[in-house]
Amino acid sequence: MSIRGRLKDMGLVDIVQVFHLQNKTAAIYLSSDLGNGKVYMKDGRVVHAICSDLVGEDALYHIIGWGDGDFEVEANIEPPALTIDGDVEQLLLEGAKRLDEKVRDSAVGGIYRGDIESSQLVKRLVEMGILVRNA
């Protein structure tokens, strides 16, 4: 069984919660402009993640921040390694906290730059004189 979709429609947190509640084993393959990643679940627990040179929780927290991209979930895929050992809710809360801090740290003049398209739009509106940056 394979499920495919867009991260903007169903994010990684939502996917993990569904498979956690059902105690499922699965591999979640993700791709976006930010890279490719894999998250493995075993009996409803997140047990392994990999993204570029990141492994374990660092990879999971990085992928949680992706706002768009594609995902595919394959059921009953065993993880190739066990690099994460934590409570699913705590992992997701920590991921949300880190994402919030990243967005807050990227604020410039009250404008959040977490989204590439939004930052380009803001830049263009400033160039046109429609928006004015506060010093």
C-alpha atoms as a PDB file:
ATOM      1  CA  MET A   1       0.000   0.000   0.000  1.00  0.00           C
ATOM      2  CA  SER A   2       1.340   3.416  -0.965  1.00  0.00           C
ATOM      3  CA  ILE A   3      -0.067   6.868  -0.203  1.00  0.00           C
ATOM      4  CA  ARG A   4       1.139   9.982  -2.037  1.00  0.00           C
ATOM      5  CA  GLY A   5       0.456  13.637  -1.536  1.00  0.00           C
ATOM      6  CA  ARG A   6       1.704  17.195  -1.073  1.00  0.00           C
ATOM      7  CA  LEU A   7       3.171  18.430   2.185  1.00  0.00           C
ATOM      8  CA  LYS A   8       1.158  21.633   1.956  1.00  0.00           C
ATOM      9  CA  ASP A   9      -2.000  19.487   2.118  1.00  0.00           C
ATOM     10  CA  MET A  10      -0.794  17.048   4.776  1.00  0.00           C
ATOM     11  CA  GLY A  11       2.428  17.820   6.599  1.00  0.00           C
ATOM     12  CA  LEU A  12       4.861  15.395   8.157  1.00  0.00           C
ATOM     13  CA  VAL A  13       3.413  16.002  11.625  1.00  0.00           C
ATOM     14  CA  ASP A  14      -0.043  14.945  10.403  1.00  0.00           C
ATOM     15  CA  ILE A  15       1.340  11.852   8.685  1.00  0.00           C
ATOM     16  CA  VAL A  16       3.283  10.797  11.781  1.00  0.00           C
ATOM     17  CA  GLN A  17       0.240  11.304  14.013  1.00  0.00           C
ATOM     18  CA  VAL A  18      -1.960   9.127  11.808  1.00  0.00           C
ATOM     19  CA  PHE A  19       0.541   6.260  11.726  1.00  0.00           C
ATOM     20  CA  HIS A  20       1.293   6.687  15.436  1.00  0.00           C
ATOM     21  CA  LEU A  21      -2.373   6.379  16.385  1.00  0.00           C
ATOM     22  CA  GLN A  22      -2.686   3.242  14.263  1.00  0.00           C
ATOM     23  CA  ASN A  23       0.570   1.697  15.570  1.00  0.00           C
ATOM     24  CA  LYS A  24       1.762   1.211  11.990  1.00  0.00           C
ATOM     25  CA  THR A  25       5.156   0.427  10.516  1.00  0.00           C
ATOM     26  CA  ALA A  26       5.954   2.546   7.464  1.00  0.00           C
ATOM     27  CA  ALA A  27       8.525   4.480   5.491  1.00  0.00           C
ATOM     28  CA  ILE A  28       7.763   8.110   4.640  1.00  0.00           C
ATOM     29  CA  TYR A  29       9.692   9.425   1.642  1.00  0.00           C
ATOM     30  CA  LEU A  30       9.782  13.204   1.288  1.00  0.00           C
ATOM     31  CA  SER A  31      11.134  15.573  -1.334  1.00  0.00           C
ATOM     32  CA  SER A  32      11.105  19.342  -1.628  1.00  0.00           C
ATOM     33  CA  ASP A  33      13.220  22.198  -2.893  1.00  0.00           C
ATOM     34  CA  LEU A  34      15.098  21.783   0.409  1.00  0.00           C
ATOM     35  CA  GLY A  35      16.152  18.206  -0.308  1.00  0.00           C
ATOM     36  CA  ASN A  36      15.057  14.608   0.128  1.00  0.00           C
ATOM     37  CA  GLY A  37      14.365  12.820   3.359  1.00  0.00           C
ATOM     38  CA  LYS A  38      13.099   9.587   4.817  1.00  0.00           C
ATOM     39  CA  VAL A  39      11.313   8.972   8.104  1.00  0.00           C
ATOM     40  CA  TYR A  40      10.702   5.454   9.350  1.00  0.00           C
ATOM     41  CA  MET A  41       8.072   4.390  11.834  1.00  0.00           C
ATOM     42  CA  LYS A  42       7.938   1.068  13.647  1.00  0.00           C
ATOM     43  CA  ASP A  43       4.756   0.077  15.499  1.00  0.00           C
ATOM     44  CA  GLY A  44       3.644   3.711  15.604  1.00  0.00           C
ATOM     45  CA  ARG A  45       6.962   5.123  16.853  1.00  0.00           C
ATOM     46  CA  VAL A  46       9.367   7.302  14.903  1.00  0.00           C
ATOM     47  CA  VAL A  47      12.598   5.276  14.947  1.00  0.00           C
ATOM     48  CA  HIS A  48      14.794   6.637  12.151  1.00  0.00           C
ATOM     49  CA  ALA A  49      15.141   9.688   9.921  1.00  0.00           C
ATOM     50  CA  ILE A  50      17.681  10.743   7.335  1.00  0.00           C
ATOM     51  CA  CYS A  51      18.030  13.889   5.240  1.00  0.00           C
ATOM     52  CA  SER A  52      21.232  14.798   3.395  1.00  0.00           C
ATOM     53  CA  ASP A  53      23.981  14.517   6.003  1.00  0.00           C
ATOM     54  CA  LEU A  54      21.527  14.695   8.934  1.00  0.00           C
ATOM     55  CA  VAL A  55      20.488  11.541  10.759  1.00  0.00           C
ATOM     56  CA  GLY A  56      18.107  10.839  13.632  1.00  0.00           C
ATOM     57  CA  GLU A  57      16.321  13.638  15.465  1.00  0.00           C
ATOM     58  CA  ASP A  58      18.268  16.358  13.638  1.00  0.00           C
ATOM     59  CA  ALA A  59      16.979  15.038  10.308  1.00  0.00           C
ATOM     60  CA  LEU A  60      13.429  14.735  11.653  1.00  0.00           C
ATOM     61  CA  TYR A  61      13.424  18.313  12.967  1.00  0.00           C
ATOM     62  CA  HIS A  62      14.802  19.588   9.674  1.00  0.00           C
ATOM     63  CA  ILE A  63      12.120  17.834   7.625  1.00  0.00           C
ATOM     64  CA  ILE A  64       9.302  18.963   9.933  1.00  0.00           C
ATOM     65  CA  GLY A  65      10.042  22.508   8.777  1.00  0.00           C
ATOM     66  CA  TRP A  66       9.258  21.797   5.129  1.00  0.00           C
ATOM     67  CA  GLY A  67       6.128  23.679   4.096  1.00  0.00           C
ATOM     68  CA  ASP A  68       5.775  22.140   0.676  1.00  0.00           C
ATOM     69  CA  GLY A  69       6.993  19.220  -1.340  1.00  0.00           C
ATOM     70  CA  ASP A  70       5.872  15.692  -2.046  1.00  0.00           C
ATOM     71  CA  PHE A  71       5.534  12.675   0.174  1.00  0.00           C
ATOM     72  CA  GLU A  72       4.959   8.991  -0.329  1.00  0.00           C
ATOM     73  CA  VAL A  73       4.190   6.559   2.460  1.00  0.00           C
ATOM     74  CA  GLU A  74       4.785   2.843   2.089  1.00  0.00           C
ATOM     75  CA  ALA A  75       3.337   0.600   4.760  1.00  0.00           C
ATOM     76  CA  ASN A  76       5.195  -2.312   6.324  1.00  0.00           C
ATOM     77  CA  ILE A  77       8.701  -1.104   5.431  1.00  0.00           C
ATOM     78  CA  GLU A  78      11.209  -1.946   8.157  1.00  0.00           C
ATOM     79  CA  PRO A  79      13.680   0.779   9.172  1.00  0.00           C
ATOM     80  CA  PRO A  80      17.284   0.251   8.051  1.00  0.00           C
ATOM     81  CA  ALA A  81      18.546   1.643  11.381  1.00  0.00           C
ATOM     82  CA  LEU A  82      17.279   2.801  14.765  1.00  0.00           C
ATOM     83  CA  THR A  83      18.496   6.349  15.375  1.00  0.00           C
ATOM     84  CA  ILE A  84      15.543   7.836  17.284  1.00  0.00           C
ATOM     85  CA  ASP A  85      14.216   6.649  20.615  1.00  0.00           C
ATOM     86  CA  GLY A  86      11.669   9.022  22.023  1.00  0.00           C
ATOM     87  CA  ASP A  87       8.016   9.635  22.686  1.00  0.00           C
ATOM     88  CA  VAL A  88       6.261  10.634  19.453  1.00  0.00           C
ATOM     89  CA  GLU A  89       4.387  13.520  21.062  1.00  0.00           C
ATOM     90  CA  GLN A  90       7.587  14.891  22.602  1.00  0.00           C
ATOM     91  CA  LEU A  91       9.440  14.619  19.284  1.00  0.00           C
ATOM     92  CA  LEU A  92       6.679  16.495  17.473  1.00  0.00           C
ATOM     93  CA  LEU A  93       6.477  19.155  20.186  1.00  0.00           C
ATOM     94  CA  GLU A  94      10.239  19.682  20.032  1.00  0.00           C
ATOM     95  CA  GLY A  95      10.029  19.893  16.244  1.00  0.00           C
ATOM     96  CA  ALA A  96       7.287  22.528  16.482  1.00  0.00           C
ATOM     97  CA  LYS A  97       9.310  24.462  19.069  1.00  0.00           C
ATOM     98  CA  ARG A  98      12.409  24.463  16.853  1.00  0.00           C
ATOM     99  CA  LEU A  99      10.384  25.513  13.827  1.00  0.00           C
ATOM    100  CA  ASP A 100       8.816  28.361  15.798  1.00  0.00           C
ATOM    101  CA  GLU A 101      12.252  29.505  16.980  1.00  0.00           C
ATOM    102  CA  LYS A 102      13.597  29.362  13.425  1.00  0.00           C
ATOM    103  CA  VAL A 103      10.717  31.457  12.109  1.00  0.00           C
ATOM    104  CA  ARG A 104      11.053  33.920  14.985  1.00  0.00           C
ATOM    105  CA  ASP A 105      14.822  34.190  14.443  1.00  0.00           C
ATOM    106  CA  SER A 106      14.289  34.881  10.746  1.00  0.00           C
ATOM    107  CA  ALA A 107      11.994  37.854  11.424  1.00  0.00           C
ATOM    108  CA  VAL A 108      13.285  41.100   9.990  1.00  0.00           C
ATOM    109  CA  GLY A 109      11.361  44.268  10.716  1.00  0.00           C
ATOM    110  CA  GLY A 110       8.325  42.226  11.741  1.00  0.00           C
ATOM    111  CA  ILE A 111       8.321  40.347   8.418  1.00  0.00           C
ATOM    112  CA  TYR A 112       8.902  36.584   8.552  1.00  0.00           C
ATOM    113  CA  ARG A 113      11.087  35.188   5.817  1.00  0.00           C
ATOM    114  CA  GLY A 114      10.434  31.496   6.311  1.00  0.00           C
ATOM    115  CA  ASP A 115       8.622  31.254   3.013  1.00  0.00           C
ATOM    116  CA  ILE A 116      10.673  31.998  -0.132  1.00  0.00           C
ATOM    117  CA  GLU A 117       7.699  33.190  -2.179  1.00  0.00           C
ATOM    118  CA  SER A 118       6.529  35.515   0.587  1.00  0.00           C
ATOM    119  CA  SER A 119       9.967  37.086   0.981  1.00  0.00           C
ATOM    120  CA  GLN A 120      10.176  37.674  -2.781  1.00  0.00           C
ATOM    121  CA  LEU A 121       6.734  39.271  -2.770  1.00  0.00           C
ATOM    122  CA  VAL A 122       7.634  41.512   0.166  1.00  0.00           C
ATOM    123  CA  LYS A 123      10.879  42.559  -1.530  1.00  0.00           C
ATOM    124  CA  ARG A 124       9.020  43.475  -4.702  1.00  0.00           C
ATOM    125  CA  LEU A 125       6.358  45.426  -2.755  1.00  0.00           C
ATOM    126  CA  VAL A 126       9.109  47.375  -0.972  1.00  0.00           C
ATOM    127  CA  GLU A 127      10.784  48.127  -4.313  1.00  0.00           C
ATOM    128  CA  MET A 128       7.466  49.414  -5.649  1.00  0.00           C
ATOM    129  CA  GLY A 129       6.976  51.622  -2.580  1.00  0.00           C
ATOM    130  CA  ILE A 130       3.821  49.824  -1.515  1.00  0.00           C
ATOM    131  CA  LEU A 131       5.440  48.578   1.701  1.00  0.00           C
ATOM    132  CA  VAL A 132       7.877  50.537   3.827  1.00  0.00           C
ATOM    133  CA  ARG A 133      10.410  48.873   6.114  1.00  0.00           C
ATOM    134  CA  ASN A 134      10.573  50.109   9.680  1.00  0.00           C
ATOM    135  CA  ALA A 135      14.085  50.926  10.842  1.00  0.00           C
END
